[in-house]
Amino acid sequence: MLLAYIDEVGEPGAFVSRSHPKYNTSPAFGYAGFCIPASSARRLGEVFTWEKRKLFASEIALSEHPGRWERKGSELLRPDTTERFPQHIRVLNYLLHMIVNLGGNLFYYAEEKPLGTPRQTDLIPAQRETDVMGQCLNRLCRHADAKDANLLVMIDQINEKTRAERLPTMYGHILGRAGTFPEMKRIVEPPMHIDSALSANIQLADWVAATVTRAIDRQLIRETRYNWANYRDTFKGARGAFTRESKLYLRNRSVADLHHSELLQPARVLYPLANGELMQDRVDPSVFRKMKAAAERAREREARG
């Protein structure tokens, strides 16, 4: 049995640019975390809890409920983390190595968003969540099948209303696809929602998702604040650790999608170092974004016929 612990990468809302007053949060949406043999899950949770308690000893001691204290990945990996909190990176790399040493793999699937407001992109956030979760389940099941193992998927707890809305859709996806793709039979149940305050491994999945989020920001945002997010300089523990099925889907790009550890490669595939001048350097960034967004919408309309 494999256990997959995953958390959200970004959020499903619209994205225009980092400087946009409203739609500025994340250029991609997806899920990331890790898969590990069920026999190793408790050991990994123990190691994570021990390292977390050492790393944040003073803060945990002052908390009202020390056993439920958690540090979110978004706070762990900030723009200035490598300079001000290198110990965060050291501990995170140790935990990434531990996942692999215990027979596990890191995992992610995310999709670059079309540039534009919800109206411009015909955005339905719930549909984006459904589509991306379907891709995650497909890929996790293929990974489990390659390992000749059954699969349970766990994700951070959400409110009951949203959970009740998502559950039938996930059931339908798994059962509807199983007739054509037998690897879908590897998953025992639809994703189960667990309170992160009570699960060390869900907290670790959040840290992995934050790692992937920073790497995606580095790949997709020209003026990124996370240029340090690569495996050569920072996340050495993630190199070669991702499943073969891990992927960042690049929307209407002239370069190939990024797979497994390519996400953390030192080179930025969308912004290569150039001897000459790039077109983006000669066009106002806001104008260039509008040109790109208009081209994307035109391609989407053409694809819909």
C-alpha atoms as a PDB file:
ATOM      1  CA  MET A   1       0.000   0.000   0.000  1.00  0.00           C
ATOM      2  CA  LEU A   2       1.209   3.480  -0.916  1.00  0.00           C
ATOM      3  CA  LEU A   3       0.037   6.556   0.959  1.00  0.00           C
ATOM      4  CA  ALA A   4      -0.003   9.846  -0.953  1.00  0.00           C
ATOM      5  CA  TYR A   5      -0.100  13.094   1.023  1.00  0.00           C
ATOM      6  CA  ILE A   6      -0.801  16.147  -1.123  1.00  0.00           C
ATOM      7  CA  ASP A   7      -1.622  19.840  -0.723  1.00  0.00           C
ATOM      8  CA  GLU A   8      -2.518  22.689  -3.041  1.00  0.00           C
ATOM      9  CA  VAL A   9       0.028  24.523  -5.173  1.00  0.00           C
ATOM     10  CA  GLY A  10      -1.195  28.079  -5.600  1.00  0.00           C
ATOM     11  CA  GLU A  11      -4.940  28.692  -5.752  1.00  0.00           C
ATOM     12  CA  PRO A  12      -7.521  28.210  -8.524  1.00  0.00           C
ATOM     13  CA  GLY A  13      -8.363  31.885  -9.083  1.00  0.00           C
ATOM     14  CA  ALA A  14      -7.384  34.041 -12.049  1.00  0.00           C
ATOM     15  CA  PHE A  15      -3.897  35.452 -12.574  1.00  0.00           C
ATOM     16  CA  VAL A  16      -2.821  38.543 -14.512  1.00  0.00           C
ATOM     17  CA  SER A  17       0.548  39.537 -13.025  1.00  0.00           C
ATOM     18  CA  ARG A  18       2.341  40.046  -9.736  1.00  0.00           C
ATOM     19  CA  SER A  19       1.706  43.784 -10.021  1.00  0.00           C
ATOM     20  CA  HIS A  20      -2.036  43.502 -10.716  1.00  0.00           C
ATOM     21  CA  PRO A  21      -4.077  44.964  -7.817  1.00  0.00           C
ATOM     22  CA  LYS A  22      -6.367  41.924  -7.566  1.00  0.00           C
ATOM     23  CA  TYR A  23      -5.300  38.907  -9.654  1.00  0.00           C
ATOM     24  CA  ASN A  24      -1.712  38.535  -8.480  1.00  0.00           C
ATOM     25  CA  THR A  25      -1.502  35.389  -6.354  1.00  0.00           C
ATOM     26  CA  SER A  26      -0.234  32.424  -8.347  1.00  0.00           C
ATOM     27  CA  PRO A  27       0.570  31.785 -12.030  1.00  0.00           C
ATOM     28  CA  ALA A  28      -0.317  28.085 -11.771  1.00  0.00           C
ATOM     29  CA  PHE A  29      -2.597  25.778  -9.827  1.00  0.00           C
ATOM     30  CA  GLY A  30      -2.099  22.174  -8.852  1.00  0.00           C
ATOM     31  CA  TYR A  31      -1.208  19.752  -6.097  1.00  0.00           C
ATOM     32  CA  ALA A  32       2.069  18.460  -4.711  1.00  0.00           C
ATOM     33  CA  GLY A  33       3.345  16.280  -1.916  1.00  0.00           C
ATOM     34  CA  PHE A  34       4.790  12.801  -1.674  1.00  0.00           C
ATOM     35  CA  CYS A  35       4.010   9.073  -1.873  1.00  0.00           C
ATOM     36  CA  ILE A  36       5.425   6.662   0.659  1.00  0.00           C
ATOM     37  CA  PRO A  37       4.929   2.982   1.536  1.00  0.00           C
ATOM     38  CA  ALA A  38       2.377   2.615   4.316  1.00  0.00           C
ATOM     39  CA  SER A  39       4.965   0.734   6.379  1.00  0.00           C
ATOM     40  CA  SER A  40       7.194   3.852   6.432  1.00  0.00           C
ATOM     41  CA  ALA A  41       4.544   6.503   7.043  1.00  0.00           C
ATOM     42  CA  ARG A  42       4.712   6.472  10.848  1.00  0.00           C
ATOM     43  CA  ARG A  43       8.515   6.640  10.852  1.00  0.00           C
ATOM     44  CA  LEU A  44       8.466   9.634   8.512  1.00  0.00           C
ATOM     45  CA  GLY A  45       5.935  11.407  10.713  1.00  0.00           C
ATOM     46  CA  GLU A  46       8.141  10.830  13.757  1.00  0.00           C
ATOM     47  CA  VAL A  47      11.201  12.258  11.986  1.00  0.00           C
ATOM     48  CA  PHE A  48       9.267  15.301  10.766  1.00  0.00           C
ATOM     49  CA  THR A  49       7.851  15.998  14.221  1.00  0.00           C
ATOM     50  CA  TRP A  50      11.304  15.712  15.836  1.00  0.00           C
ATOM     51  CA  GLU A  51      12.905  18.057  13.300  1.00  0.00           C
ATOM     52  CA  LYS A  52      10.048  20.564  13.490  1.00  0.00           C
ATOM     53  CA  ARG A  53      10.242  20.672  17.288  1.00  0.00           C
ATOM     54  CA  LYS A  54      13.990  21.311  17.190  1.00  0.00           C
ATOM     55  CA  LEU A  55      13.741  23.937  14.458  1.00  0.00           C
ATOM     56  CA  PHE A  56      10.933  25.928  16.089  1.00  0.00           C
ATOM     57  CA  ALA A  57      11.494  25.013  19.745  1.00  0.00           C
ATOM     58  CA  SER A  58      11.003  28.519  21.175  1.00  0.00           C
ATOM     59  CA  GLU A  59       7.806  29.210  19.227  1.00  0.00           C
ATOM     60  CA  ILE A  60       6.295  25.826  20.032  1.00  0.00           C
ATOM     61  CA  ALA A  61       7.056  26.290  23.740  1.00  0.00           C
ATOM     62  CA  LEU A  62       5.052  29.527  23.763  1.00  0.00           C
ATOM     63  CA  SER A  63       2.064  28.158  21.849  1.00  0.00           C
ATOM     64  CA  GLU A  64      -1.244  27.345  23.511  1.00  0.00           C
ATOM     65  CA  HIS A  65      -1.339  23.813  22.076  1.00  0.00           C
ATOM     66  CA  PRO A  66       2.266  22.697  21.385  1.00  0.00           C
ATOM     67  CA  GLY A  67       1.204  19.317  20.005  1.00  0.00           C
ATOM     68  CA  ARG A  68      -0.945  20.991  17.336  1.00  0.00           C
ATOM     69  CA  TRP A  69       1.477  23.774  16.399  1.00  0.00           C
ATOM     70  CA  GLU A  70       2.393  23.914  12.726  1.00  0.00           C
ATOM     71  CA  ARG A  71       4.448  26.087  10.412  1.00  0.00           C
ATOM     72  CA  LYS A  72       2.877  26.591   7.014  1.00  0.00           C
ATOM     73  CA  GLY A  73       5.079  26.091   3.977  1.00  0.00           C
ATOM     74  CA  SER A  74       4.330  29.611   2.730  1.00  0.00           C
ATOM     75  CA  GLU A  75       5.920  30.953   5.932  1.00  0.00           C
ATOM     76  CA  LEU A  76       8.781  28.455   5.860  1.00  0.00           C
ATOM     77  CA  LEU A  77       9.923  29.460   2.350  1.00  0.00           C
ATOM     78  CA  ARG A  78       9.823  33.234   1.992  1.00  0.00           C
ATOM     79  CA  PRO A  79      11.728  35.427  -0.466  1.00  0.00           C
ATOM     80  CA  ASP A  80      14.490  35.995   2.100  1.00  0.00           C
ATOM     81  CA  THR A  81      14.640  32.466   3.538  1.00  0.00           C
ATOM     82  CA  THR A  82      18.009  31.464   2.075  1.00  0.00           C
ATOM     83  CA  GLU A  83      19.615  34.587   3.540  1.00  0.00           C
ATOM     84  CA  ARG A  84      17.869  34.877   6.909  1.00  0.00           C
ATOM     85  CA  PHE A  85      16.782  31.308   7.679  1.00  0.00           C
ATOM     86  CA  PRO A  86      19.193  28.868   6.019  1.00  0.00           C
ATOM     87  CA  GLN A  87      18.337  26.341   8.743  1.00  0.00           C
ATOM     88  CA  HIS A  88      14.880  25.994   7.168  1.00  0.00           C
ATOM     89  CA  ILE A  89      16.471  24.849   3.923  1.00  0.00           C
ATOM     90  CA  ARG A  90      18.838  22.490   5.725  1.00  0.00           C
ATOM     91  CA  VAL A  91      16.021  20.742   7.596  1.00  0.00           C
ATOM     92  CA  LEU A  92      13.787  20.628   4.538  1.00  0.00           C
ATOM     93  CA  ASN A  93      16.530  18.979   2.469  1.00  0.00           C
ATOM     94  CA  TYR A  94      17.051  16.414   5.213  1.00  0.00           C
ATOM     95  CA  LEU A  95      13.327  15.593   5.178  1.00  0.00           C
ATOM     96  CA  LEU A  96      13.276  15.298   1.377  1.00  0.00           C
ATOM     97  CA  HIS A  97      16.186  12.853   1.588  1.00  0.00           C
ATOM     98  CA  MET A  98      14.327  10.951   4.311  1.00  0.00           C
ATOM     99  CA  ILE A  99      11.252  10.507   2.075  1.00  0.00           C
ATOM    100  CA  VAL A 100      13.444   8.872  -0.568  1.00  0.00           C
ATOM    101  CA  ASN A 101      15.395   6.812   1.968  1.00  0.00           C
ATOM    102  CA  LEU A 102      12.118   5.404   3.280  1.00  0.00           C
ATOM    103  CA  GLY A 103      11.110   4.261  -0.210  1.00  0.00           C
ATOM    104  CA  GLY A 104       9.017   7.278  -1.186  1.00  0.00           C
ATOM    105  CA  ASN A 105       8.901   9.839  -3.982  1.00  0.00           C
ATOM    106  CA  LEU A 106       7.971  13.491  -4.305  1.00  0.00           C
ATOM    107  CA  PHE A 107       5.047  14.317  -6.595  1.00  0.00           C
ATOM    108  CA  TYR A 108       3.469  17.337  -8.281  1.00  0.00           C
ATOM    109  CA  TYR A 109       1.034  18.193 -11.026  1.00  0.00           C
ATOM    110  CA  ALA A 110       0.221  21.802 -11.856  1.00  0.00           C
ATOM    111  CA  GLU A 111      -1.114  23.776 -14.795  1.00  0.00           C
ATOM    112  CA  GLU A 112      -0.054  27.230 -15.864  1.00  0.00           C
ATOM    113  CA  LYS A 113      -3.072  29.545 -15.857  1.00  0.00           C
ATOM    114  CA  PRO A 114      -4.164  31.541 -18.894  1.00  0.00           C
ATOM    115  CA  LEU A 115      -3.400  35.200 -18.303  1.00  0.00           C
ATOM    116  CA  GLY A 116      -6.442  37.363 -17.694  1.00  0.00           C
ATOM    117  CA  THR A 117      -9.313  38.183 -15.392  1.00  0.00           C
ATOM    118  CA  PRO A 118     -12.060  35.618 -14.708  1.00  0.00           C
ATOM    119  CA  ARG A 119     -14.230  37.209 -17.393  1.00  0.00           C
ATOM    120  CA  GLN A 120     -11.452  37.269 -19.961  1.00  0.00           C
ATOM    121  CA  THR A 121     -10.563  33.613 -19.384  1.00  0.00           C
ATOM    122  CA  ASP A 122     -14.091  32.237 -18.771  1.00  0.00           C
ATOM    123  CA  LEU A 123     -12.846  31.013 -15.423  1.00  0.00           C
ATOM    124  CA  ILE A 124     -14.856  28.559 -13.335  1.00  0.00           C
ATOM    125  CA  PRO A 125     -12.628  27.851 -10.285  1.00  0.00           C
ATOM    126  CA  ALA A 126     -14.488  24.676  -9.294  1.00  0.00           C
ATOM    127  CA  GLN A 127     -13.964  23.264 -12.786  1.00  0.00           C
ATOM    128  CA  ARG A 128     -10.253  24.073 -12.634  1.00  0.00           C
ATOM    129  CA  GLU A 129     -10.016  22.272  -9.292  1.00  0.00           C
ATOM    130  CA  THR A 130     -11.874  19.258 -10.678  1.00  0.00           C
ATOM    131  CA  ASP A 131      -9.741  19.021 -13.816  1.00  0.00           C
ATOM    132  CA  VAL A 132      -6.449  19.343 -11.968  1.00  0.00           C
ATOM    133  CA  MET A 133      -7.432  16.894  -9.239  1.00  0.00           C
ATOM    134  CA  GLY A 134      -8.423  14.397 -11.942  1.00  0.00           C
ATOM    135  CA  GLN A 135      -4.968  14.679 -13.487  1.00  0.00           C
ATOM    136  CA  CYS A 136      -3.360  14.186 -10.068  1.00  0.00           C
ATOM    137  CA  LEU A 137      -5.367  11.042  -9.380  1.00  0.00           C
ATOM    138  CA  ASN A 138      -4.568   9.652 -12.828  1.00  0.00           C
ATOM    139  CA  ARG A 139      -0.850  10.187 -12.329  1.00  0.00           C
ATOM    140  CA  LEU A 140      -0.751   8.915  -8.764  1.00  0.00           C
ATOM    141  CA  CYS A 141      -2.572   5.759  -9.863  1.00  0.00           C
ATOM    142  CA  ARG A 142      -0.054   5.200 -12.676  1.00  0.00           C
ATOM    143  CA  HIS A 143       2.751   5.571 -10.156  1.00  0.00           C
ATOM    144  CA  ALA A 144       1.093   3.086  -7.801  1.00  0.00           C
ATOM    145  CA  ASP A 145       0.560   0.644 -10.662  1.00  0.00           C
ATOM    146  CA  ALA A 146       4.239   0.842 -11.596  1.00  0.00           C
ATOM    147  CA  LYS A 147       5.050   0.003  -7.965  1.00  0.00           C
ATOM    148  CA  ASP A 148       2.457  -2.836  -7.985  1.00  0.00           C
ATOM    149  CA  ALA A 149       0.776  -1.242  -4.976  1.00  0.00           C
ATOM    150  CA  ASN A 150      -2.658  -0.037  -3.942  1.00  0.00           C
ATOM    151  CA  LEU A 151      -3.095   3.626  -3.082  1.00  0.00           C
ATOM    152  CA  LEU A 152      -4.706   5.902  -0.517  1.00  0.00           C
ATOM    153  CA  VAL A 153      -4.633   9.673  -1.105  1.00  0.00           C
ATOM    154  CA  MET A 154      -4.835  12.198   1.732  1.00  0.00           C
ATOM    155  CA  ILE A 155      -5.198  15.952   1.488  1.00  0.00           C
ATOM    156  CA  ASP A 156      -5.439  18.830   3.937  1.00  0.00           C
ATOM    157  CA  GLN A 157      -8.879  19.305   5.458  1.00  0.00           C
ATOM    158  CA  ILE A 158     -11.357  21.696   3.826  1.00  0.00           C
ATOM    159  CA  ASN A 159     -14.764  22.865   4.959  1.00  0.00           C
ATOM    160  CA  GLU A 160     -17.561  20.312   4.959  1.00  0.00           C
ATOM    161  CA  LYS A 161     -19.578  22.048   2.234  1.00  0.00           C
ATOM    162  CA  THR A 162     -16.698  21.982  -0.247  1.00  0.00           C
ATOM    163  CA  ARG A 163     -15.786  18.414   0.687  1.00  0.00           C
ATOM    164  CA  ALA A 164     -19.361  17.243   0.084  1.00  0.00           C
ATOM    165  CA  GLU A 165     -19.379  18.970  -3.325  1.00  0.00           C
ATOM    166  CA  ARG A 166     -16.060  17.452  -4.417  1.00  0.00           C
ATOM    167  CA  LEU A 167     -16.582  13.879  -3.245  1.00  0.00           C
ATOM    168  CA  PRO A 168     -19.146  12.728  -5.856  1.00  0.00           C
ATOM    169  CA  THR A 169     -17.041  14.248  -8.639  1.00  0.00           C
ATOM    170  CA  MET A 170     -13.915  12.396  -7.508  1.00  0.00           C
ATOM    171  CA  TYR A 171     -15.861   9.143  -7.127  1.00  0.00           C
ATOM    172  CA  GLY A 172     -17.257   9.577 -10.625  1.00  0.00           C
ATOM    173  CA  HIS A 173     -13.849  10.281 -12.112  1.00  0.00           C
ATOM    174  CA  ILE A 174     -12.218   7.232 -10.539  1.00  0.00           C
ATOM    175  CA  LEU A 175     -15.021   4.790 -11.326  1.00  0.00           C
ATOM    176  CA  GLY A 176     -15.703   6.179 -14.801  1.00  0.00           C
ATOM    177  CA  ARG A 177     -12.078   5.951 -15.854  1.00  0.00           C
ATOM    178  CA  ALA A 178     -11.368   2.519 -14.358  1.00  0.00           C
ATOM    179  CA  GLY A 179     -12.986   0.624 -17.237  1.00  0.00           C
ATOM    180  CA  THR A 180     -10.521   2.024 -19.775  1.00  0.00           C
ATOM    181  CA  PHE A 181      -7.524   2.600 -17.522  1.00  0.00           C
ATOM    182  CA  PRO A 182      -7.170  -0.350 -15.134  1.00  0.00           C
ATOM    183  CA  GLU A 183      -4.519   1.442 -13.065  1.00  0.00           C
ATOM    184  CA  MET A 184      -7.377   3.512 -11.598  1.00  0.00           C
ATOM    185  CA  LYS A 185      -8.393   0.407  -9.657  1.00  0.00           C
ATOM    186  CA  ARG A 186      -5.263   0.892  -7.565  1.00  0.00           C
ATOM    187  CA  ILE A 187      -6.884   3.712  -5.602  1.00  0.00           C
ATOM    188  CA  VAL A 188      -8.860   2.337  -2.679  1.00  0.00           C
ATOM    189  CA  GLU A 189     -10.935   5.448  -1.876  1.00  0.00           C
ATOM    190  CA  PRO A 190     -11.267   9.020  -3.177  1.00  0.00           C
ATOM    191  CA  PRO A 191      -8.933  11.486  -1.426  1.00  0.00           C
ATOM    192  CA  MET A 192      -9.550  11.686   2.314  1.00  0.00           C
ATOM    193  CA  HIS A 193      -9.377  15.046   4.070  1.00  0.00           C
ATOM    194  CA  ILE A 194      -7.279  15.201   7.245  1.00  0.00           C
ATOM    195  CA  ASP A 195      -6.712  18.073   9.673  1.00  0.00           C
ATOM    196  CA  SER A 196      -3.118  19.156   9.184  1.00  0.00           C
ATOM    197  CA  ALA A 197      -2.802  20.129  12.853  1.00  0.00           C
ATOM    198  CA  LEU A 198      -3.202  16.446  13.704  1.00  0.00           C
ATOM    199  CA  SER A 199      -1.098  14.923  10.912  1.00  0.00           C
ATOM    200  CA  ALA A 200       2.672  15.366  10.679  1.00  0.00           C
ATOM    201  CA  ASN A 201       2.750  13.942   7.151  1.00  0.00           C
ATOM    202  CA  ILE A 202       0.092  16.367   5.902  1.00  0.00           C
ATOM    203  CA  GLN A 203       2.218  19.184   7.326  1.00  0.00           C
ATOM    204  CA  LEU A 204       5.237  17.810   5.474  1.00  0.00           C
ATOM    205  CA  ALA A 205       3.177  17.622   2.273  1.00  0.00           C
ATOM    206  CA  ASP A 206       2.456  21.328   2.730  1.00  0.00           C
ATOM    207  CA  TRP A 207       6.219  21.988   2.911  1.00  0.00           C
ATOM    208  CA  VAL A 208       6.763  19.979  -0.280  1.00  0.00           C
ATOM    209  CA  ALA A 209       3.922  21.876  -1.973  1.00  0.00           C
ATOM    210  CA  ALA A 210       5.568  25.148  -0.926  1.00  0.00           C
ATOM    211  CA  THR A 211       8.846  23.953  -2.469  1.00  0.00           C
ATOM    212  CA  VAL A 212       7.060  23.233  -5.745  1.00  0.00           C
ATOM    213  CA  THR A 213       5.193  26.556  -5.554  1.00  0.00           C
ATOM    214  CA  ARG A 214       8.459  28.508  -5.234  1.00  0.00           C
ATOM    215  CA  ALA A 215      10.026  26.561  -8.109  1.00  0.00           C
ATOM    216  CA  ILE A 216       6.994  27.261 -10.327  1.00  0.00           C
ATOM    217  CA  ASP A 217       7.157  30.961  -9.457  1.00  0.00           C
ATOM    218  CA  ARG A 218      10.809  30.941 -10.511  1.00  0.00           C
ATOM    219  CA  GLN A 219       9.994  29.272 -13.824  1.00  0.00           C
ATOM    220  CA  LEU A 220       6.896  31.319 -14.750  1.00  0.00           C
ATOM    221  CA  ILE A 221       7.480  34.796 -13.291  1.00  0.00           C
ATOM    222  CA  ARG A 222      10.122  36.850 -15.048  1.00  0.00           C
ATOM    223  CA  GLU A 223      10.804  39.117 -12.049  1.00  0.00           C
ATOM    224  CA  THR A 224      10.620  36.283  -9.530  1.00  0.00           C
ATOM    225  CA  ARG A 225      11.478  36.727  -5.868  1.00  0.00           C
ATOM    226  CA  TYR A 226      12.503  33.060  -5.670  1.00  0.00           C
ATOM    227  CA  ASN A 227      15.431  32.828  -8.044  1.00  0.00           C
ATOM    228  CA  TRP A 228      17.139  30.644  -5.425  1.00  0.00           C
ATOM    229  CA  ALA A 229      14.567  27.832  -5.840  1.00  0.00           C
ATOM    230  CA  ASN A 230      16.582  25.241  -7.756  1.00  0.00           C
ATOM    231  CA  TYR A 231      18.223  21.936  -6.881  1.00  0.00           C
ATOM    232  CA  ARG A 232      21.786  23.011  -7.625  1.00  0.00           C
ATOM    233  CA  ASP A 233      21.881  25.740  -4.993  1.00  0.00           C
ATOM    234  CA  THR A 234      18.993  25.070  -2.629  1.00  0.00           C
ATOM    235  CA  PHE A 235      16.790  21.986  -2.884  1.00  0.00           C
ATOM    236  CA  LYS A 236      19.432  19.310  -3.338  1.00  0.00           C
ATOM    237  CA  GLY A 237      17.209  16.798  -1.582  1.00  0.00           C
ATOM    238  CA  ALA A 238      14.611  17.027  -4.357  1.00  0.00           C
ATOM    239  CA  ARG A 239      16.934  16.172  -7.231  1.00  0.00           C
ATOM    240  CA  GLY A 240      15.838  12.880  -8.770  1.00  0.00           C
ATOM    241  CA  ALA A 241      13.199  12.393  -6.071  1.00  0.00           C
ATOM    242  CA  PHE A 242      10.047  13.112  -8.109  1.00  0.00           C
ATOM    243  CA  THR A 243       7.830  10.484  -9.707  1.00  0.00           C
ATOM    244  CA  ARG A 244       8.033  10.054 -13.469  1.00  0.00           C
ATOM    245  CA  GLU A 245       4.433  11.286 -13.617  1.00  0.00           C
ATOM    246  CA  SER A 246       5.157  14.693 -12.046  1.00  0.00           C
ATOM    247  CA  LYS A 247       4.538  17.545 -14.477  1.00  0.00           C
ATOM    248  CA  LEU A 248       4.061  21.293 -14.912  1.00  0.00           C
ATOM    249  CA  TYR A 249       1.789  21.899 -17.900  1.00  0.00           C
ATOM    250  CA  LEU A 250       2.860  25.028 -19.782  1.00  0.00           C
ATOM    251  CA  ARG A 251      -0.034  26.704 -21.561  1.00  0.00           C
ATOM    252  CA  ASN A 252       0.501  27.566 -25.241  1.00  0.00           C
ATOM    253  CA  ARG A 253       4.268  27.756 -24.928  1.00  0.00           C
ATOM    254  CA  SER A 254       6.900  27.062 -27.557  1.00  0.00           C
ATOM    255  CA  VAL A 255       8.898  24.998 -25.052  1.00  0.00           C
ATOM    256  CA  ALA A 256       8.077  21.561 -23.687  1.00  0.00           C
ATOM    257  CA  ASP A 257       6.274  20.997 -20.398  1.00  0.00           C
ATOM    258  CA  LEU A 258       8.474  20.447 -17.351  1.00  0.00           C
ATOM    259  CA  HIS A 259       8.599  16.913 -15.935  1.00  0.00           C
ATOM    260  CA  HIS A 260       9.828  15.504 -12.598  1.00  0.00           C
ATOM    261  CA  SER A 261      13.074  17.214 -11.466  1.00  0.00           C
ATOM    262  CA  GLU A 262      13.169  19.506 -14.519  1.00  0.00           C
ATOM    263  CA  LEU A 263      11.010  21.922 -12.527  1.00  0.00           C
ATOM    264  CA  LEU A 264      13.993  22.601 -10.254  1.00  0.00           C
ATOM    265  CA  GLN A 265      16.678  22.734 -12.919  1.00  0.00           C
ATOM    266  CA  PRO A 266      18.993  25.754 -12.698  1.00  0.00           C
ATOM    267  CA  ALA A 267      17.992  26.957 -16.185  1.00  0.00           C
ATOM    268  CA  ARG A 268      14.748  28.918 -16.540  1.00  0.00           C
ATOM    269  CA  VAL A 269      13.240  27.569 -19.752  1.00  0.00           C
ATOM    270  CA  LEU A 270      10.970  30.579 -20.378  1.00  0.00           C
ATOM    271  CA  TYR A 271      13.656  33.144 -19.599  1.00  0.00           C
ATOM    272  CA  PRO A 272      16.958  31.816 -20.939  1.00  0.00           C
ATOM    273  CA  LEU A 273      20.112  33.845 -20.706  1.00  0.00           C
ATOM    274  CA  ALA A 274      20.542  35.571 -24.056  1.00  0.00           C
ATOM    275  CA  ASN A 275      23.511  37.131 -25.792  1.00  0.00           C
ATOM    276  CA  GLY A 276      21.263  39.590 -27.565  1.00  0.00           C
ATOM    277  CA  GLU A 277      18.060  41.376 -26.627  1.00  0.00           C
ATOM    278  CA  LEU A 278      14.815  39.514 -25.954  1.00  0.00           C
ATOM    279  CA  MET A 279      11.500  40.833 -27.235  1.00  0.00           C
ATOM    280  CA  GLN A 280      10.243  41.184 -23.633  1.00  0.00           C
ATOM    281  CA  ASP A 281      13.097  43.599 -22.969  1.00  0.00           C
ATOM    282  CA  ARG A 282      11.881  45.970 -25.688  1.00  0.00           C
ATOM    283  CA  VAL A 283       8.166  45.902 -24.826  1.00  0.00           C
ATOM    284  CA  ASP A 284       6.568  47.341 -21.719  1.00  0.00           C
ATOM    285  CA  PRO A 285       5.804  44.367 -19.404  1.00  0.00           C
ATOM    286  CA  SER A 286       2.114  45.274 -19.075  1.00  0.00           C
ATOM    287  CA  VAL A 287       1.775  45.541 -22.866  1.00  0.00           C
ATOM    288  CA  PHE A 288       3.584  42.232 -23.356  1.00  0.00           C
ATOM    289  CA  ARG A 289       1.236  40.508 -20.888  1.00  0.00           C
ATOM    290  CA  LYS A 290      -1.782  41.855 -22.768  1.00  0.00           C
ATOM    291  CA  MET A 291      -0.353  40.633 -26.075  1.00  0.00           C
ATOM    292  CA  LYS A 292       0.270  37.182 -24.625  1.00  0.00           C
ATOM    293  CA  ALA A 293      -3.147  36.996 -22.990  1.00  0.00           C
ATOM    294  CA  ALA A 294      -4.881  38.028 -26.232  1.00  0.00           C
ATOM    295  CA  ALA A 295      -2.963  35.372 -28.163  1.00  0.00           C
ATOM    296  CA  GLU A 296      -3.925  32.742 -25.595  1.00  0.00           C
ATOM    297  CA  ARG A 297      -7.609  33.670 -25.801  1.00  0.00           C
ATOM    298  CA  ALA A 298      -7.499  33.514 -29.594  1.00  0.00           C
ATOM    299  CA  ARG A 299      -5.998  30.030 -29.483  1.00  0.00           C
ATOM    300  CA  GLU A 300      -8.586  28.919 -26.932  1.00  0.00           C
ATOM    301  CA  ARG A 301     -11.424  30.165 -29.168  1.00  0.00           C
ATOM    302  CA  GLU A 302      -9.911  28.425 -32.174  1.00  0.00           C
ATOM    303  CA  ALA A 303      -9.550  25.185 -30.231  1.00  0.00           C
ATOM    304  CA  ARG A 304     -13.210  25.323 -29.185  1.00  0.00           C
ATOM    305  CA  GLY A 305     -14.159  25.659 -32.840  1.00  0.00           C
END
